Amino acid sequence: MPRWTGRWDGGRTYVNKQGDTVWVLEKQVHGRLYTTRLSAGNEKDALAELALFRRDPAAYVARAQEAKAAEETTSGNASVLLDLPTVERFLGYLKSQGRTERHRKNVLHYLAQWAEVLYGKGLRQLRLQDLKQALNGWYDAEAGDIPAKRHRIAAIKAFCSWLREEEAVLTTAEDATLALKVPPARPEKALRDKGYSMRDVERVYAAINGWESARYGWKGTGRVTEVQCVRDVLLLHAKCGMHGTEIDRLARGEGRVKVLQGQGAIAGTITFIHKSGRVHVQSVDAQALAAAMRLQARGSAPADWWIRQVVKRAAKSVGLEPLRMGELRHSFVTWAAECGTEVRPVDGGVPLTRIAATIGHQSAVTTKKFYEGVKVPPMIQLPIRLEHPEDPISLFERQLRDGSG
């Protein structure tokens, strides 16, 4: 990895092995990071390149890259590079596959780091040693950050896999990333206690309140920040065990919310496509159903940074550490095993394990994969009370409370 030696108007500089100063253009425009090593011999030439970049950042290509591309095109041996246009096509592919914006941003972050250390190296000529050298540099610099190392390897392997299978510009023999192994994830519960008590989650939920923001001149106007969407997200995590990406897709309208009548505590179902491609149907109570419908009406789930800020503020107000939304899914599983109750539809039904045994399947997994088409699956009910005086009460929640549902 380069050792940065200074800064200039367009980015940073470092000294290469030959003792020459290398000028790196590093700018963020409209949320997109541009990083390019320039073929400038002095600051004057570097500033000239910066002027060209500012004229049209999206179309900018350093002169050195233009010359190299022209030479390779003439020789008929064009390199496969980890450059911005190719990465943008890869991110577009990930979007078409249903990967979330958060996932795509993470991939872009790690690929930008790879692009910096692999600058000028064609992926066809890349060696396993080059990859390991870069990884060892990051690993040493970050004092053994195994999760980041795992994410970096996963990002470059996914990118090269796309180049092989979708773009068809890289062969198996040319792909050095195939020899890279992704470090296995260590269960976090082996490192520390994971999950929360129902009581702590109830306290944080009840403490999620909006506030007047001095930043936007709201003081004294009575206008407060909108936090109901954060309560809705927390509720779906805690009461349904939903993953954050599932809530994101549901809020964007990629899932279907259905209201049911006459099914007792089961007020409705939520249907969405799992990231594996499997259709997943989940039964929910009236409160969770209302939360899902509000998020869909909103059109999107709140941003992760906003959820963290609101939850951190609420937890601090009741003397607790901030809750991690990902750990609420773990908490749901623990609570369900310890004190959950299975609520079946009023119409009844036989558990899938019994059906599998009856038709001769050794595992219910096969039955579920090829035969199950349950419209109202059983629901796991938890003895958790998530209540806030500002929560809207939907019609079906009121009917259920009145006993007329």
Protein backbone atom coordinates (compact mmCIF):
# COMPACT_ATOMS: atom_id res chain seq x y z
CA MET A 1 0.00 0.00 0.00
CA PRO A 2 1.27 3.54 -0.72
CA ARG A 3 2.59 5.67 2.11
CA TRP A 4 0.93 9.04 1.70
CA THR A 5 3.38 11.94 1.94
CA GLY A 6 1.27 15.02 1.37
CA ARG A 7 -1.84 16.66 -0.03
CA TRP A 8 -2.61 18.91 -2.99
CA ASP A 9 -5.79 20.59 -4.26
CA GLY A 10 -6.89 17.45 -6.09
CA GLY A 11 -6.08 14.77 -3.52
CA ARG A 12 -2.93 13.18 -2.08
CA THR A 13 0.64 12.30 -3.04
CA TYR A 14 3.03 9.48 -2.24
CA VAL A 15 6.60 8.52 -3.15
CA ASN A 16 7.10 5.34 -5.23
CA LYS A 17 10.02 2.89 -5.02
CA GLN A 18 12.04 4.98 -7.45
CA GLY A 19 11.74 8.01 -5.16
CA ASP A 20 9.41 9.91 -7.50
CA THR A 21 6.34 11.79 -6.25
CA VAL A 22 3.08 10.29 -7.53
CA TRP A 23 0.04 12.57 -7.75
CA VAL A 24 -3.31 10.93 -6.96
CA LEU A 25 -6.56 12.63 -7.87
CA GLU A 26 -9.08 11.87 -5.12
CA LYS A 27 -12.41 13.69 -5.18
CA GLN A 28 -15.98 12.96 -4.14
CA VAL A 29 -18.68 14.31 -6.44
CA HIS A 30 -22.39 13.81 -5.71
CA GLY A 31 -21.63 11.02 -3.26
CA ARG A 32 -19.30 9.15 -5.65
CA LEU A 33 -15.60 8.78 -4.91
CA TYR A 34 -13.20 9.21 -7.85
CA THR A 35 -9.62 7.96 -7.33
CA THR A 36 -7.10 8.11 -10.16
CA ARG A 37 -3.29 8.02 -10.20
CA LEU A 38 -2.05 10.70 -12.56
CA SER A 39 0.90 10.64 -14.95
CA ALA A 40 1.88 14.13 -13.82
CA GLY A 41 5.53 14.95 -13.21
CA ASN A 42 4.84 18.05 -11.13
CA GLU A 43 2.04 19.92 -9.41
CA LYS A 44 1.39 22.13 -12.44
CA ASP A 45 0.61 19.10 -14.62
CA ALA A 46 -1.51 17.62 -11.83
CA LEU A 47 -3.56 20.84 -11.56
CA ALA A 48 -4.13 20.72 -15.33
CA GLU A 49 -5.57 17.21 -14.95
CA LEU A 50 -7.72 18.46 -12.06
CA ALA A 51 -9.18 21.16 -14.30
CA LEU A 52 -10.13 18.52 -16.90
CA PHE A 53 -11.71 16.39 -14.20
CA ARG A 54 -13.81 19.28 -12.84
CA ARG A 55 -15.12 19.97 -16.33
CA ASP A 56 -16.80 16.54 -16.53
CA PRO A 57 -16.01 14.12 -13.66
CA ALA A 58 -18.09 11.24 -15.05
CA ALA A 59 -16.38 11.29 -18.45
CA TYR A 60 -12.90 12.06 -17.16
CA VAL A 61 -10.09 9.63 -17.96
CA ALA A 62 -6.51 10.42 -17.07
CA ARG A 63 -4.15 10.84 -20.04
CA ALA A 64 -2.08 7.88 -18.92
CA GLN A 65 -5.17 5.66 -18.97
CA GLU A 66 -6.12 6.92 -22.42
CA ALA A 67 -2.67 6.15 -23.80
CA LYS A 68 -2.61 2.70 -22.23
CA ALA A 69 -6.09 1.87 -23.50
CA ALA A 70 -5.20 3.01 -27.01
CA GLU A 71 -2.02 0.93 -27.01
CA GLU A 72 -3.82 -2.18 -25.81
CA THR A 73 -6.66 -1.74 -28.30
CA THR A 74 -4.14 -1.45 -31.17
CA SER A 75 -2.34 -4.61 -30.06
CA GLY A 76 -5.64 -6.50 -29.66
CA ASN A 77 -4.84 -7.44 -26.09
CA ALA A 78 -7.02 -5.08 -24.06
CA SER A 79 -6.68 -5.46 -20.30
CA VAL A 80 -9.57 -6.07 -17.97
CA LEU A 81 -9.34 -3.30 -15.40
CA LEU A 82 -10.97 -2.55 -12.09
CA ASP A 83 -12.10 0.89 -13.25
CA LEU A 84 -15.10 3.10 -12.57
CA PRO A 85 -17.21 2.27 -15.68
CA THR A 86 -16.83 -1.48 -15.06
CA VAL A 87 -17.65 -1.14 -11.38
CA GLU A 88 -20.75 0.91 -12.24
CA ARG A 89 -21.96 -1.85 -14.55
CA PHE A 90 -21.33 -4.39 -11.77
CA LEU A 91 -23.33 -2.30 -9.30
CA GLY A 92 -26.14 -2.07 -11.84
CA TYR A 93 -26.08 -5.85 -12.10
CA LEU A 94 -26.29 -6.18 -8.31
CA LYS A 95 -29.29 -3.83 -8.30
CA SER A 96 -31.01 -5.93 -10.97
CA GLN A 97 -30.47 -8.96 -8.71
CA GLY A 98 -32.33 -7.26 -5.88
CA ARG A 99 -29.32 -6.41 -3.71
CA THR A 100 -30.03 -3.52 -1.37
CA GLU A 101 -28.57 -0.03 -1.67
CA ARG A 102 -26.70 -0.59 1.59
CA HIS A 103 -25.07 -3.73 0.19
CA ARG A 104 -24.12 -1.96 -3.04
CA LYS A 105 -22.56 0.94 -1.15
CA ASN A 106 -20.48 -1.48 0.92
CA VAL A 107 -19.30 -3.29 -2.21
CA LEU A 108 -18.39 0.05 -3.84
CA HIS A 109 -16.42 1.04 -0.73
CA TYR A 110 -14.28 -2.11 -0.79
CA LEU A 111 -13.83 -2.15 -4.57
CA ALA A 112 -12.60 1.47 -4.40
CA GLN A 113 -9.90 0.31 -1.99
CA TRP A 114 -8.92 -2.53 -4.32
CA ALA A 115 -8.82 -0.12 -7.29
CA GLU A 116 -6.34 2.06 -5.41
CA VAL A 117 -3.83 -0.71 -4.71
CA LEU A 118 -4.33 -2.46 -8.07
CA TYR A 119 -4.06 0.71 -10.14
CA GLY A 120 -2.71 0.00 -13.62
CA LYS A 121 -2.73 -3.79 -13.17
CA GLY A 122 -4.90 -5.77 -15.54
CA LEU A 123 -6.97 -8.44 -13.84
CA ARG A 124 -5.81 -11.00 -16.41
CA GLN A 125 -2.20 -10.49 -15.32
CA LEU A 126 -3.00 -10.31 -11.62
CA ARG A 127 -1.26 -12.84 -9.39
CA LEU A 128 -2.43 -14.35 -6.14
CA GLN A 129 0.67 -12.86 -4.55
CA ASP A 130 -0.52 -9.34 -5.49
CA LEU A 131 -3.85 -9.94 -3.78
CA LYS A 132 -2.31 -11.37 -0.64
CA GLN A 133 0.21 -8.55 -0.41
CA ALA A 134 -2.60 -6.00 -0.47
CA LEU A 135 -4.61 -7.95 2.12
CA ASN A 136 -1.61 -8.28 4.43
CA GLY A 137 -1.05 -4.53 4.21
CA TRP A 138 -4.64 -3.80 5.23
CA TYR A 139 -4.57 -6.48 7.92
CA ASP A 140 -1.39 -5.11 9.54
CA ALA A 141 -2.60 -1.54 9.32
CA GLU A 142 -5.92 -2.34 10.96
CA ALA A 143 -4.58 -4.57 13.74
CA GLY A 144 -6.24 -7.75 12.56
CA ASP A 145 -9.64 -6.54 11.35
CA ILE A 146 -10.94 -9.96 10.24
CA PRO A 147 -14.49 -8.81 9.28
CA ALA A 148 -13.10 -6.09 6.96
CA LYS A 149 -10.69 -8.61 5.42
CA ARG A 150 -13.57 -10.99 4.79
CA HIS A 151 -15.66 -8.27 3.15
CA ARG A 152 -12.78 -7.15 0.92
CA ILE A 153 -12.20 -10.69 -0.33
CA ALA A 154 -15.92 -11.25 -0.90
CA ALA A 155 -16.19 -8.00 -2.89
CA ILE A 156 -13.29 -8.72 -5.27
CA LYS A 157 -14.35 -12.36 -5.74
CA ALA A 158 -17.93 -11.32 -6.56
CA PHE A 159 -16.67 -8.70 -9.03
CA CYS A 160 -14.41 -11.17 -10.85
CA SER A 161 -17.12 -13.83 -10.83
CA TRP A 162 -19.39 -11.34 -12.62
CA LEU A 163 -16.62 -10.62 -15.15
CA ARG A 164 -16.35 -14.36 -15.85
CA GLU A 165 -19.99 -15.37 -15.90
CA GLU A 166 -21.85 -12.26 -17.10
CA GLU A 167 -19.33 -10.14 -19.02
CA ALA A 168 -17.34 -13.14 -20.36
CA VAL A 169 -14.10 -11.11 -20.42
CA LEU A 170 -12.20 -13.17 -17.86
CA THR A 171 -11.50 -16.89 -17.93
CA THR A 172 -11.18 -19.23 -14.97
CA ALA A 173 -7.44 -19.60 -15.62
CA GLU A 174 -7.00 -15.80 -15.56
CA ASP A 175 -8.95 -15.21 -12.35
CA ALA A 176 -6.50 -15.11 -9.42
CA THR A 177 -9.34 -14.44 -6.94
CA LEU A 178 -10.53 -18.05 -7.29
CA ALA A 179 -7.61 -19.10 -5.06
CA LEU A 180 -8.57 -16.60 -2.36
CA LYS A 181 -10.49 -18.08 0.54
CA VAL A 182 -13.02 -16.02 2.46
CA PRO A 183 -12.19 -16.29 6.20
CA PRO A 184 -15.03 -18.07 8.01
CA ALA A 185 -17.22 -15.85 10.11
CA ARG A 186 -16.90 -16.51 13.82
CA PRO A 187 -20.26 -16.58 15.59
CA GLU A 188 -20.45 -13.31 17.48
CA LYS A 189 -21.99 -15.05 20.47
CA ALA A 190 -18.66 -16.88 20.89
CA LEU A 191 -16.98 -13.52 21.44
CA ARG A 192 -19.60 -11.77 23.56
CA ASP A 193 -23.16 -12.05 24.83
CA LYS A 194 -25.54 -11.27 22.00
CA GLY A 195 -29.16 -10.18 22.13
CA TYR A 196 -31.30 -8.20 24.53
CA SER A 197 -33.95 -8.76 27.16
CA MET A 198 -37.58 -8.05 26.28
CA ARG A 199 -37.73 -5.52 29.09
CA ASP A 200 -34.84 -3.47 27.67
CA VAL A 201 -36.36 -3.48 24.18
CA GLU A 202 -39.73 -2.39 25.63
CA ARG A 203 -38.05 0.49 27.48
CA VAL A 204 -36.17 1.72 24.41
CA TYR A 205 -39.29 1.48 22.22
CA ALA A 206 -41.32 3.52 24.70
CA ALA A 207 -38.55 6.16 24.82
CA ILE A 208 -38.36 6.77 21.05
CA ASN A 209 -39.62 10.34 20.81
CA GLY A 210 -39.21 13.09 18.27
CA TRP A 211 -37.44 16.35 19.09
CA GLU A 212 -37.25 19.89 17.82
CA SER A 213 -34.12 20.33 15.75
CA ALA A 214 -32.16 23.54 16.22
CA ARG A 215 -30.27 22.66 13.05
CA TYR A 216 -33.28 23.42 10.85
CA GLY A 217 -34.60 26.34 12.90
CA TRP A 218 -37.47 24.36 14.38
CA LYS A 219 -36.99 25.60 17.97
CA GLY A 220 -40.25 27.08 19.20
CA THR A 221 -42.22 26.04 16.10
CA GLY A 222 -43.62 22.85 17.60
CA ARG A 223 -42.27 20.84 14.67
CA VAL A 224 -40.44 17.65 15.66
CA THR A 225 -38.46 14.96 13.88
CA GLU A 226 -40.43 12.05 12.42
CA VAL A 227 -39.61 8.88 14.37
CA GLN A 228 -42.69 6.67 13.97
CA CYS A 229 -40.95 4.93 11.07
CA VAL A 230 -38.07 4.00 13.41
CA ARG A 231 -40.50 2.51 15.93
CA ASP A 232 -42.09 0.53 13.09
CA VAL A 233 -38.72 -0.88 11.99
CA LEU A 234 -37.78 -1.83 15.56
CA LEU A 235 -41.15 -3.52 16.03
CA LEU A 236 -40.81 -5.69 12.91
CA HIS A 237 -37.30 -6.70 13.98
CA ALA A 238 -38.35 -7.60 17.52
CA LYS A 239 -41.80 -9.16 17.02
CA CYS A 240 -41.26 -10.84 13.66
CA GLY A 241 -37.50 -11.49 13.57
CA MET A 242 -37.27 -9.84 10.16
CA HIS A 243 -33.90 -9.00 8.65
CA GLY A 244 -33.09 -5.38 7.82
CA THR A 245 -32.93 -6.07 4.08
CA GLU A 246 -36.36 -7.73 4.23
CA ILE A 247 -37.84 -4.66 5.89
CA ASP A 248 -36.18 -2.46 3.24
CA ARG A 249 -37.70 -4.48 0.41
CA LEU A 250 -41.09 -4.60 2.10
CA ALA A 251 -41.14 -0.81 2.56
CA ARG A 252 -40.22 -0.28 -1.11
CA GLY A 253 -43.31 -2.20 -2.13
CA GLU A 254 -41.54 -5.39 -3.15
CA GLY A 255 -43.57 -7.37 -0.61
CA ARG A 256 -47.32 -7.90 -0.32
CA VAL A 257 -49.25 -7.13 2.87
CA LYS A 258 -52.61 -8.85 3.25
CA VAL A 259 -55.25 -8.19 5.92
CA LEU A 260 -57.08 -11.28 7.21
CA GLN A 261 -60.43 -11.59 8.95
CA GLY A 262 -61.51 -14.26 11.41
CA GLN A 263 -58.06 -15.73 12.12
CA GLY A 264 -57.86 -14.75 15.76
CA ALA A 265 -54.52 -13.23 16.78
CA ILE A 266 -53.24 -13.59 13.20
CA ALA A 267 -54.26 -10.28 11.66
CA GLY A 268 -52.54 -10.66 8.30
CA THR A 269 -49.64 -12.00 6.28
CA ILE A 270 -46.55 -10.48 4.73
CA THR A 271 -45.26 -12.06 1.51
CA PHE A 272 -41.91 -11.21 -0.02
CA ILE A 273 -39.14 -12.78 -2.07
CA HIS A 274 -36.26 -13.96 0.07
CA LYS A 275 -32.76 -13.12 -1.20
CA SER A 276 -32.41 -16.82 -2.09
CA GLY A 277 -35.30 -16.41 -4.53
CA ARG A 278 -37.75 -18.34 -2.35
CA VAL A 279 -41.20 -16.88 -1.66
CA HIS A 280 -41.62 -16.36 2.07
CA VAL A 281 -44.97 -15.88 3.80
CA GLN A 282 -45.10 -14.76 7.42
CA SER A 283 -48.14 -14.39 9.64
CA VAL A 284 -48.22 -11.29 11.85
CA ASP A 285 -50.39 -9.78 14.56
CA ALA A 286 -52.35 -6.53 14.24
CA GLN A 287 -49.56 -4.30 15.56
CA ALA A 288 -46.90 -5.69 13.19
CA LEU A 289 -49.34 -5.57 10.28
CA ALA A 290 -50.03 -1.89 10.96
CA ALA A 291 -46.29 -1.15 11.13
CA ALA A 292 -45.68 -2.90 7.80
CA MET A 293 -48.52 -0.98 6.13
CA ARG A 294 -47.23 2.36 7.43
CA LEU A 295 -43.75 1.66 6.06
CA GLN A 296 -45.20 0.69 2.67
CA ALA A 297 -47.28 3.87 2.62
CA ARG A 298 -44.08 5.82 3.39
CA GLY A 299 -42.39 4.18 0.38
CA SER A 300 -39.09 3.37 2.08
CA ALA A 301 -37.58 2.39 5.39
CA PRO A 302 -35.64 5.10 7.26
CA ALA A 303 -31.91 5.29 6.56
CA ASP A 304 -29.62 3.24 8.79
CA TRP A 305 -27.86 6.34 10.13
CA TRP A 306 -31.19 7.85 11.15
CA ILE A 307 -32.29 4.66 12.91
CA ARG A 308 -29.00 4.54 14.82
CA GLN A 309 -29.28 8.19 15.86
CA VAL A 310 -32.89 7.89 17.07
CA VAL A 311 -32.34 4.60 18.91
CA LYS A 312 -29.11 5.86 20.50
CA ARG A 313 -30.94 8.93 21.80
CA ALA A 314 -33.80 6.82 23.19
CA ALA A 315 -31.50 4.26 24.83
CA LYS A 316 -29.44 6.98 26.46
CA SER A 317 -32.57 8.55 27.94
CA VAL A 318 -33.35 5.32 29.84
CA GLY A 319 -29.76 4.55 30.79
CA LEU A 320 -29.11 1.74 28.29
CA GLU A 321 -26.56 1.10 25.57
CA PRO A 322 -27.84 1.61 21.98
CA LEU A 323 -29.61 -1.39 20.46
CA ARG A 324 -28.24 -2.95 17.28
CA MET A 325 -31.08 -3.76 14.90
CA GLY A 326 -29.30 -6.90 13.64
CA GLU A 327 -29.23 -8.31 17.16
CA LEU A 328 -33.00 -8.02 17.49
CA ARG A 329 -33.32 -10.86 14.98
CA HIS A 330 -31.06 -12.95 17.23
CA SER A 331 -33.13 -11.86 20.24
CA PHE A 332 -36.35 -12.95 18.51
CA VAL A 333 -34.99 -16.46 17.99
CA THR A 334 -33.93 -16.66 21.65
CA TRP A 335 -37.25 -15.34 22.94
CA ALA A 336 -39.20 -17.68 20.66
CA ALA A 337 -37.26 -20.70 21.97
CA GLU A 338 -37.62 -19.64 25.60
CA CYS A 339 -41.18 -18.33 25.86
CA GLY A 340 -42.78 -18.12 22.41
CA THR A 341 -46.22 -19.54 21.66
CA GLU A 342 -47.25 -21.00 18.32
CA VAL A 343 -50.52 -19.51 17.10
CA ARG A 344 -52.13 -21.49 14.32
CA PRO A 345 -54.86 -20.26 11.94
CA VAL A 346 -58.44 -20.76 13.12
CA ASP A 347 -58.96 -23.15 10.20
CA GLY A 348 -56.32 -25.44 11.71
CA GLY A 349 -53.71 -27.32 9.72
CA VAL A 350 -51.11 -30.03 10.25
CA PRO A 351 -47.45 -29.16 10.99
CA LEU A 352 -45.12 -29.54 8.02
CA THR A 353 -42.97 -32.14 9.83
CA ARG A 354 -45.96 -34.48 10.13
CA ILE A 355 -46.87 -33.98 6.48
CA ALA A 356 -43.29 -34.82 5.47
CA ALA A 357 -43.38 -38.04 7.49
CA THR A 358 -46.73 -39.01 5.98
CA ILE A 359 -45.58 -38.70 2.36
CA GLY A 360 -42.20 -40.31 3.05
CA HIS A 361 -39.84 -37.36 3.10
CA GLN A 362 -36.89 -37.74 5.46
CA SER A 363 -36.74 -33.98 5.94
CA ALA A 364 -39.42 -31.29 5.99
CA VAL A 365 -37.02 -29.12 3.96
CA THR A 366 -37.88 -31.05 0.78
CA THR A 367 -41.60 -30.79 1.50
CA LYS A 368 -41.37 -27.05 2.06
CA LYS A 369 -39.25 -26.46 -1.05
CA PHE A 370 -41.37 -28.34 -3.58
CA TYR A 371 -44.86 -28.75 -2.18
CA GLU A 372 -45.76 -26.22 0.47
CA GLY A 373 -48.15 -23.45 -0.55
CA VAL A 374 -49.53 -22.40 2.82
CA LYS A 375 -51.37 -19.09 2.61
CA VAL A 376 -51.60 -18.54 6.38
CA PRO A 377 -48.65 -20.12 8.20
CA PRO A 378 -48.47 -20.38 12.00
CA MET A 379 -47.32 -17.29 13.90
CA ILE A 380 -44.93 -17.11 16.84
CA GLN A 381 -46.39 -14.90 19.56
CA LEU A 382 -44.08 -13.36 22.16
CA PRO A 383 -44.97 -11.90 25.57
CA ILE A 384 -43.47 -8.54 24.62
CA ARG A 385 -45.36 -5.25 24.85
CA LEU A 386 -44.09 -2.56 22.53
CA GLU A 387 -46.18 0.48 23.35
CA HIS A 388 -45.85 4.20 22.78
CA PRO A 389 -48.52 6.85 23.37
CA GLU A 390 -47.95 8.31 19.88
CA ASP A 391 -48.40 5.00 18.01
CA PRO A 392 -51.35 5.25 15.59
CA ILE A 393 -54.11 2.72 16.26
CA SER A 394 -55.30 1.10 13.05
CA LEU A 395 -58.86 -0.05 12.46
CA PHE A 396 -58.02 -3.75 12.65
CA GLU A 397 -56.00 -3.20 15.85
CA ARG A 398 -59.04 -1.49 17.38
CA GLN A 399 -61.33 -4.29 16.20
CA LEU A 400 -59.01 -6.91 17.70
CA ARG A 401 -58.94 -5.06 21.02
CA ASP A 402 -62.73 -4.75 21.01
CA GLY A 403 -63.09 -8.46 20.25
CA SER A 404 -64.92 -7.87 16.98
CA GLY A 405 -62.08 -9.04 14.65
